[in-house]
Amino acid sequence: MDRKISSKEMVESLWLQGKYDILLIKLCDRIHNMQTIEIKPSEKIKKIIQETKYSFLPLAKYFGSTIENELRQLCLKPKL
């Protein structure tokens, strides 16, 4: 049976493979997901924000302060 890998595992795997273009696309997708997060149930919102803080924010540092700042602000913005 296939197990679903975590976002952290996915980010680490792509990083180790040097697939930085895919990581940048994933970051942009995460920003969009965070911008439209209010349509999700509150428990799902909490999970997505935690996942973003621990898997995507550290990655965003490598792609520049604009992406990092945008993602950080979206994590802080009240959603519940």
PDB file of N, CA and C in Angstrom:
ATOM      1  N   MET A   1       0.848  -1.173   0.000  1.00  0.00           N
ATOM      2  CA  MET A   1       0.000   0.000   0.000  1.00  0.00           C
ATOM      3  C   MET A   1       0.898   1.242   0.000  1.00  0.00           C
ATOM      4  N   ASP A   2       0.561   2.198  -0.850  1.00  0.00           N
ATOM      5  CA  ASP A   2       1.314   3.445  -0.923  1.00  0.00           C
ATOM      6  C   ASP A   2       0.934   4.349   0.234  1.00  0.00           C
ATOM      7  N   ARG A   3       1.940   4.943   0.853  1.00  0.00           N
ATOM      8  CA  ARG A   3       1.641   5.901   1.908  1.00  0.00           C
ATOM      9  C   ARG A   3       1.855   7.298   1.356  1.00  0.00           C
ATOM     10  N   LYS A   4       1.066   8.218   1.832  1.00  0.00           N
ATOM     11  CA  LYS A   4       1.189   9.609   1.413  1.00  0.00           C
ATOM     12  C   LYS A   4       2.373  10.220   2.155  1.00  0.00           C
ATOM     13  N   ILE A   5       3.261  10.887   1.415  1.00  0.00           N
ATOM     14  CA  ILE A   5       4.396  11.521   2.084  1.00  0.00           C
ATOM     15  C   ILE A   5       3.981  12.901   2.582  1.00  0.00           C
ATOM     16  N   SER A   6       4.610  13.319   3.645  1.00  0.00           N
ATOM     17  CA  SER A   6       4.302  14.628   4.222  1.00  0.00           C
ATOM     18  C   SER A   6       4.878  15.734   3.340  1.00  0.00           C
ATOM     19  N   SER A   7       4.385  16.929   3.553  1.00  0.00           N
ATOM     20  CA  SER A   7       4.915  18.087   2.822  1.00  0.00           C
ATOM     21  C   SER A   7       6.395  18.269   3.115  1.00  0.00           C
ATOM     22  N   LYS A   8       6.770  18.063   4.363  1.00  0.00           N
ATOM     23  CA  LYS A   8       8.178  18.203   4.753  1.00  0.00           C
ATOM     24  C   LYS A   8       9.047  17.201   3.991  1.00  0.00           C
ATOM     25  N   GLU A   9       8.586  15.956   3.900  1.00  0.00           N
ATOM     26  CA  GLU A   9       9.338  14.940   3.158  1.00  0.00           C
ATOM     27  C   GLU A   9       9.430  15.295   1.671  1.00  0.00           C
ATOM     28  N   MET A  10       8.339  15.799   1.120  1.00  0.00           N
ATOM     29  CA  MET A  10       8.311  16.182  -0.287  1.00  0.00           C
ATOM     30  C   MET A  10       9.300  17.313  -0.551  1.00  0.00           C
ATOM     31  N   VAL A  11       9.281  18.340   0.308  1.00  0.00           N
ATOM     32  CA  VAL A  11      10.193  19.475   0.157  1.00  0.00           C
ATOM     33  C   VAL A  11      11.643  18.995   0.263  1.00  0.00           C
ATOM     34  N   GLU A  12      11.938  18.181   1.257  1.00  0.00           N
ATOM     35  CA  GLU A  12      13.305  17.684   1.441  1.00  0.00           C
ATOM     36  C   GLU A  12      13.763  16.853   0.250  1.00  0.00           C
ATOM     37  N   SER A  13      12.895  16.002  -0.252  1.00  0.00           N
ATOM     38  CA  SER A  13      13.233  15.156  -1.392  1.00  0.00           C
ATOM     39  C   SER A  13      13.528  15.986  -2.641  1.00  0.00           C
ATOM     40  N   LEU A  14      12.661  16.942  -2.932  1.00  0.00           N
ATOM     41  CA  LEU A  14      12.875  17.798  -4.103  1.00  0.00           C
ATOM     42  C   LEU A  14      14.146  18.630  -3.949  1.00  0.00           C
ATOM     43  N   TRP A  15      14.413  19.092  -2.729  1.00  0.00           N
ATOM     44  CA  TRP A  15      15.626  19.882  -2.466  1.00  0.00           C
ATOM     45  C   TRP A  15      16.874  19.037  -2.739  1.00  0.00           C
ATOM     46  N   LEU A  16      16.886  17.819  -2.213  1.00  0.00           N
ATOM     47  CA  LEU A  16      18.041  16.937  -2.394  1.00  0.00           C
ATOM     48  C   LEU A  16      18.249  16.556  -3.856  1.00  0.00           C
ATOM     49  N   GLN A  17      17.163  16.513  -4.614  1.00  0.00           N
ATOM     50  CA  GLN A  17      17.253  16.196  -6.041  1.00  0.00           C
ATOM     51  C   GLN A  17      17.615  17.422  -6.884  1.00  0.00           C
ATOM     52  N   GLY A  18      17.675  18.587  -6.239  1.00  0.00           N
ATOM     53  CA  GLY A  18      18.016  19.813  -6.956  1.00  0.00           C
ATOM     54  C   GLY A  18      16.908  20.323  -7.856  1.00  0.00           C
ATOM     55  N   LYS A  19      15.684  19.973  -7.551  1.00  0.00           N
ATOM     56  CA  LYS A  19      14.538  20.384  -8.373  1.00  0.00           C
ATOM     57  C   LYS A  19      13.962  21.699  -7.843  1.00  0.00           C
ATOM     58  N   TYR A  20      14.777  22.738  -7.944  1.00  0.00           N
ATOM     59  CA  TYR A  20      14.421  24.036  -7.378  1.00  0.00           C
ATOM     60  C   TYR A  20      13.267  24.701  -8.123  1.00  0.00           C
ATOM     61  N   ASP A  21      13.159  24.419  -9.414  1.00  0.00           N
ATOM     62  CA  ASP A  21      12.045  24.977 -10.180  1.00  0.00           C
ATOM     63  C   ASP A  21      10.709  24.438  -9.678  1.00  0.00           C
ATOM     64  N   ILE A  22      10.675  23.156  -9.367  1.00  0.00           N
ATOM     65  CA  ILE A  22       9.450  22.549  -8.840  1.00  0.00           C
ATOM     66  C   ILE A  22       9.149  23.098  -7.450  1.00  0.00           C
ATOM     67  N   LEU A  23      10.178  23.287  -6.645  1.00  0.00           N
ATOM     68  CA  LEU A  23       9.984  23.852  -5.308  1.00  0.00           C
ATOM     69  C   LEU A  23       9.414  25.264  -5.376  1.00  0.00           C
ATOM     70  N   LEU A  24       9.871  26.052  -6.325  1.00  0.00           N
ATOM     71  CA  LEU A  24       9.340  27.405  -6.482  1.00  0.00           C
ATOM     72  C   LEU A  24       7.862  27.362  -6.882  1.00  0.00           C
ATOM     73  N   ILE A  25       7.518  26.439  -7.759  1.00  0.00           N
ATOM     74  CA  ILE A  25       6.107  26.267  -8.138  1.00  0.00           C
ATOM     75  C   ILE A  25       5.286  25.844  -6.925  1.00  0.00           C
ATOM     76  N   LYS A  26       5.813  24.929  -6.120  1.00  0.00           N
ATOM     77  CA  LYS A  26       5.116  24.479  -4.905  1.00  0.00           C
ATOM     78  C   LYS A  26       4.906  25.649  -3.940  1.00  0.00           C
ATOM     79  N   LEU A  27       5.905  26.513  -3.808  1.00  0.00           N
ATOM     80  CA  LEU A  27       5.773  27.687  -2.937  1.00  0.00           C
ATOM     81  C   LEU A  27       4.684  28.630  -3.441  1.00  0.00           C
ATOM     82  N   CYS A  28       4.664  28.863  -4.729  1.00  0.00           N
ATOM     83  CA  CYS A  28       3.623  29.738  -5.308  1.00  0.00           C
ATOM     84  C   CYS A  28       2.240  29.131  -5.107  1.00  0.00           C
ATOM     85  N   ASP A  29       2.139  27.829  -5.268  1.00  0.00           N
ATOM     86  CA  ASP A  29       0.867  27.141  -5.037  1.00  0.00           C
ATOM     87  C   ASP A  29       0.451  27.261  -3.572  1.00  0.00           C
ATOM     88  N   ARG A  30       1.413  27.141  -2.665  1.00  0.00           N
ATOM     89  CA  ARG A  30       1.101  27.259  -1.234  1.00  0.00           C
ATOM     90  C   ARG A  30       0.631  28.671  -0.906  1.00  0.00           C
ATOM     91  N   ILE A  31       1.254  29.678  -1.504  1.00  0.00           N
ATOM     92  CA  ILE A  31       0.807  31.058  -1.288  1.00  0.00           C
ATOM     93  C   ILE A  31      -0.642  31.206  -1.738  1.00  0.00           C
ATOM     94  N   HIS A  32      -0.957  30.683  -2.905  1.00  0.00           N
ATOM     95  CA  HIS A  32      -2.345  30.756  -3.391  1.00  0.00           C
ATOM     96  C   HIS A  32      -3.291  30.022  -2.442  1.00  0.00           C
ATOM     97  N   ASN A  33      -2.894  28.834  -1.997  1.00  0.00           N
ATOM     98  CA  ASN A  33      -3.729  28.066  -1.061  1.00  0.00           C
ATOM     99  C   ASN A  33      -3.965  28.841   0.234  1.00  0.00           C
ATOM    100  N   MET A  34      -2.934  29.523   0.708  1.00  0.00           N
ATOM    101  CA  MET A  34      -3.069  30.304   1.939  1.00  0.00           C
ATOM    102  C   MET A  34      -3.963  31.526   1.725  1.00  0.00           C
ATOM    103  N   GLN A  35      -3.948  32.082   0.527  1.00  0.00           N
ATOM    104  CA  GLN A  35      -4.792  33.245   0.230  1.00  0.00           C
ATOM    105  C   GLN A  35      -6.272  32.874   0.167  1.00  0.00           C
ATOM    106  N   THR A  36      -6.559  31.612  -0.110  1.00  0.00           N
ATOM    107  CA  THR A  36      -7.951  31.160  -0.257  1.00  0.00           C
ATOM    108  C   THR A  36      -8.354  30.164   0.833  1.00  0.00           C
ATOM    109  N   ILE A  37      -7.632  30.158   1.921  1.00  0.00           N
ATOM    110  CA  ILE A  37      -7.804  29.155   2.970  1.00  0.00           C
ATOM    111  C   ILE A  37      -9.129  29.268   3.734  1.00  0.00           C
ATOM    112  N   GLU A  38      -9.739  30.447   3.714  1.00  0.00           N
ATOM    113  CA  GLU A  38     -10.939  30.663   4.535  1.00  0.00           C
ATOM    114  C   GLU A  38     -12.117  29.776   4.141  1.00  0.00           C
ATOM    115  N   ILE A  39     -12.071  29.141   2.983  1.00  0.00           N
ATOM    116  CA  ILE A  39     -13.172  28.258   2.580  1.00  0.00           C
ATOM    117  C   ILE A  39     -13.067  26.874   3.222  1.00  0.00           C
ATOM    118  N   LYS A  40     -11.973  26.607   3.901  1.00  0.00           N
ATOM    119  CA  LYS A  40     -11.745  25.308   4.544  1.00  0.00           C
ATOM    120  C   LYS A  40     -12.313  25.292   5.961  1.00  0.00           C
ATOM    121  N   PRO A  41     -12.600  24.084   6.484  1.00  0.00           N
ATOM    122  CA  PRO A  41     -13.008  23.971   7.895  1.00  0.00           C
ATOM    123  C   PRO A  41     -11.865  24.412   8.821  1.00  0.00           C
ATOM    124  N   SER A  42     -12.203  24.899  10.000  1.00  0.00           N
ATOM    125  CA  SER A  42     -11.198  25.475  10.907  1.00  0.00           C
ATOM    126  C   SER A  42     -10.092  24.492  11.286  1.00  0.00           C
ATOM    127  N   GLU A  43     -10.403  23.221  11.469  1.00  0.00           N
ATOM    128  CA  GLU A  43      -9.358  22.243  11.812  1.00  0.00           C
ATOM    129  C   GLU A  43      -8.380  22.064  10.658  1.00  0.00           C
ATOM    130  N   LYS A  44      -8.886  22.069   9.450  1.00  0.00           N
ATOM    131  CA  LYS A  44      -8.036  21.950   8.260  1.00  0.00           C
ATOM    132  C   LYS A  44      -7.155  23.198   8.120  1.00  0.00           C
ATOM    133  N   ILE A  45      -7.717  24.354   8.432  1.00  0.00           N
ATOM    134  CA  ILE A  45      -6.958  25.609   8.376  1.00  0.00           C
ATOM    135  C   ILE A  45      -5.771  25.542   9.328  1.00  0.00           C
ATOM    136  N   LYS A  46      -6.008  25.091  10.553  1.00  0.00           N
ATOM    137  CA  LYS A  46      -4.920  24.976  11.534  1.00  0.00           C
ATOM    138  C   LYS A  46      -3.820  24.053  11.023  1.00  0.00           C
ATOM    139  N   LYS A  47      -4.217  22.927  10.439  1.00  0.00           N
ATOM    140  CA  LYS A  47      -3.252  21.954   9.919  1.00  0.00           C
ATOM    141  C   LYS A  47      -2.429  22.562   8.780  1.00  0.00           C
ATOM    142  N   ILE A  48      -3.088  23.256   7.876  1.00  0.00           N
ATOM    143  CA  ILE A  48      -2.401  23.862   6.732  1.00  0.00           C
ATOM    144  C   ILE A  48      -1.427  24.944   7.195  1.00  0.00           C
ATOM    145  N   ILE A  49      -1.838  25.750   8.162  1.00  0.00           N
ATOM    146  CA  ILE A  49      -0.953  26.800   8.676  1.00  0.00           C
ATOM    147  C   ILE A  49       0.278  26.185   9.344  1.00  0.00           C
ATOM    148  N   GLN A  50       0.086  25.151  10.148  1.00  0.00           N
ATOM    149  CA  GLN A  50       1.221  24.478  10.802  1.00  0.00           C
ATOM    150  C   GLN A  50       2.166  23.891   9.760  1.00  0.00           C
ATOM    151  N   GLU A  51       1.599  23.214   8.779  1.00  0.00           N
ATOM    152  CA  GLU A  51       2.386  22.616   7.706  1.00  0.00           C
ATOM    153  C   GLU A  51       3.180  23.696   6.959  1.00  0.00           C
ATOM    154  N   THR A  52       2.546  24.819   6.728  1.00  0.00           N
ATOM    155  CA  THR A  52       3.198  25.926   6.025  1.00  0.00           C
ATOM    156  C   THR A  52       4.359  26.470   6.849  1.00  0.00           C
ATOM    157  N   LYS A  53       4.144  26.655   8.143  1.00  0.00           N
ATOM    158  CA  LYS A  53       5.195  27.184   9.019  1.00  0.00           C
ATOM    159  C   LYS A  53       6.410  26.268   9.068  1.00  0.00           C
ATOM    160  N   TYR A  54       6.180  24.958   9.144  1.00  0.00           N
ATOM    161  CA  TYR A  54       7.282  24.030   9.368  1.00  0.00           C
ATOM    162  C   TYR A  54       7.888  23.449   8.095  1.00  0.00           C
ATOM    163  N   SER A  55       7.151  23.447   7.000  1.00  0.00           N
ATOM    164  CA  SER A  55       7.677  22.866   5.764  1.00  0.00           C
ATOM    165  C   SER A  55       8.009  23.904   4.699  1.00  0.00           C
ATOM    166  N   PHE A  56       7.183  24.933   4.587  1.00  0.00           N
ATOM    167  CA  PHE A  56       7.344  25.873   3.484  1.00  0.00           C
ATOM    168  C   PHE A  56       8.058  27.169   3.860  1.00  0.00           C
ATOM    169  N   LEU A  57       7.862  27.666   5.072  1.00  0.00           N
ATOM    170  CA  LEU A  57       8.559  28.898   5.474  1.00  0.00           C
ATOM    171  C   LEU A  57      10.079  28.738   5.455  1.00  0.00           C
ATOM    172  N   PRO A  58      10.622  27.644   5.995  1.00  0.00           N
ATOM    173  CA  PRO A  58      12.083  27.484   5.918  1.00  0.00           C
ATOM    174  C   PRO A  58      12.580  27.456   4.465  1.00  0.00           C
ATOM    175  N   LEU A  59      11.824  26.821   3.597  1.00  0.00           N
ATOM    176  CA  LEU A  59      12.182  26.769   2.185  1.00  0.00           C
ATOM    177  C   LEU A  59      12.120  28.154   1.551  1.00  0.00           C
ATOM    178  N   ALA A  60      11.116  28.926   1.909  1.00  0.00           N
ATOM    179  CA  ALA A  60      10.905  30.250   1.308  1.00  0.00           C
ATOM    180  C   ALA A  60      12.107  31.173   1.509  1.00  0.00           C
ATOM    181  N   LYS A  61      12.859  30.982   2.592  1.00  0.00           N
ATOM    182  CA  LYS A  61      14.047  31.807   2.848  1.00  0.00           C
ATOM    183  C   LYS A  61      15.035  31.745   1.685  1.00  0.00           C
ATOM    184  N   TYR A  62      15.131  30.590   1.050  1.00  0.00           N
ATOM    185  CA  TYR A  62      16.091  30.401  -0.034  1.00  0.00           C
ATOM    186  C   TYR A  62      15.655  31.054  -1.340  1.00  0.00           C
ATOM    187  N   PHE A  63      14.396  31.420  -1.429  1.00  0.00           N
ATOM    188  CA  PHE A  63      13.884  32.021  -2.659  1.00  0.00           C
ATOM    189  C   PHE A  63      13.673  33.525  -2.532  1.00  0.00           C
ATOM    190  N   GLY A  64      14.072  34.087  -1.415  1.00  0.00           N
ATOM    191  CA  GLY A  64      14.034  35.539  -1.267  1.00  0.00           C
ATOM    192  C   GLY A  64      13.020  36.027  -0.263  1.00  0.00           C
ATOM    193  N   SER A  65      13.283  37.236   0.194  1.00  0.00           N
ATOM    194  CA  SER A  65      12.486  37.804   1.280  1.00  0.00           C
ATOM    195  C   SER A  65      11.048  38.113   0.873  1.00  0.00           C
ATOM    196  N   THR A  66      10.798  38.396  -0.398  1.00  0.00           N
ATOM    197  CA  THR A  66       9.432  38.700  -0.825  1.00  0.00           C
ATOM    198  C   THR A  66       8.521  37.496  -0.631  1.00  0.00           C
ATOM    199  N   ILE A  67       8.973  36.344  -1.077  1.00  0.00           N
ATOM    200  CA  ILE A  67       8.179  35.120  -0.923  1.00  0.00           C
ATOM    201  C   ILE A  67       8.053  34.765   0.552  1.00  0.00           C
ATOM    202  N   GLU A  68       9.160  34.838   1.269  1.00  0.00           N
ATOM    203  CA  GLU A  68       9.138  34.515   2.701  1.00  0.00           C
ATOM    204  C   GLU A  68       8.185  35.437   3.458  1.00  0.00           C
ATOM    205  N   ASN A  69       8.272  36.729   3.203  1.00  0.00           N
ATOM    206  CA  ASN A  69       7.408  37.688   3.904  1.00  0.00           C
ATOM    207  C   ASN A  69       5.935  37.469   3.584  1.00  0.00           C
ATOM    208  N   GLU A  70       5.627  37.209   2.329  1.00  0.00           N
ATOM    209  CA  GLU A  70       4.238  36.956   1.932  1.00  0.00           C
ATOM    210  C   GLU A  70       3.688  35.737   2.665  1.00  0.00           C
ATOM    211  N   LEU A  71       4.451  34.665   2.681  1.00  0.00           N
ATOM    212  CA  LEU A  71       4.006  33.437   3.344  1.00  0.00           C
ATOM    213  C   LEU A  71       3.886  33.637   4.851  1.00  0.00           C
ATOM    214  N   ARG A  72       4.835  34.345   5.438  1.00  0.00           N
ATOM    215  CA  ARG A  72       4.800  34.614   6.882  1.00  0.00           C
ATOM    216  C   ARG A  72       3.556  35.426   7.246  1.00  0.00           C
ATOM    217  N   GLN A  73       3.252  36.448   6.465  1.00  0.00           N
ATOM    218  CA  GLN A  73       2.059  37.272   6.723  1.00  0.00           C
ATOM    219  C   GLN A  73       0.777  36.450   6.591  1.00  0.00           C
ATOM    220  N   LEU A  74       0.741  35.572   5.619  1.00  0.00           N
ATOM    221  CA  LEU A  74      -0.449  34.737   5.441  1.00  0.00           C
ATOM    222  C   LEU A  74      -0.638  33.770   6.612  1.00  0.00           C
ATOM    223  N   CYS A  75       0.459  33.322   7.211  1.00  0.00           N
ATOM    224  CA  CYS A  75       0.367  32.437   8.384  1.00  0.00           C
ATOM    225  C   CYS A  75      -0.148  33.187   9.604  1.00  0.00           C
ATOM    226  N   LEU A  76       0.139  34.478   9.677  1.00  0.00           N
ATOM    227  CA  LEU A  76      -0.264  35.274  10.839  1.00  0.00           C
ATOM    228  C   LEU A  76      -1.674  35.832  10.718  1.00  0.00           C
ATOM    229  N   LYS A  77      -2.143  35.970   9.501  1.00  0.00           N
ATOM    230  CA  LYS A  77      -3.462  36.548   9.246  1.00  0.00           C
ATOM    231  C   LYS A  77      -4.541  35.667   9.876  1.00  0.00           C
ATOM    232  N   PRO A  78      -5.410  36.253  10.708  1.00  0.00           N
ATOM    233  CA  PRO A  78      -6.457  35.444  11.351  1.00  0.00           C
ATOM    234  C   PRO A  78      -7.394  34.835  10.314  1.00  0.00           C
ATOM    235  N   LYS A  79      -7.601  33.540  10.426  1.00  0.00           N
ATOM    236  CA  LYS A  79      -8.431  32.824   9.466  1.00  0.00           C
ATOM    237  C   LYS A  79      -9.660  32.188  10.101  1.00  0.00           C
ATOM    238  N   LEU A  80      -9.690  32.118  11.413  1.00  0.00           N
ATOM    239  CA  LEU A  80     -10.758  31.359  12.080  1.00  0.00           C
ATOM    240  C   LEU A  80     -11.901  32.239  12.520  1.00  0.00           C
TER     241      LEU A  80
END
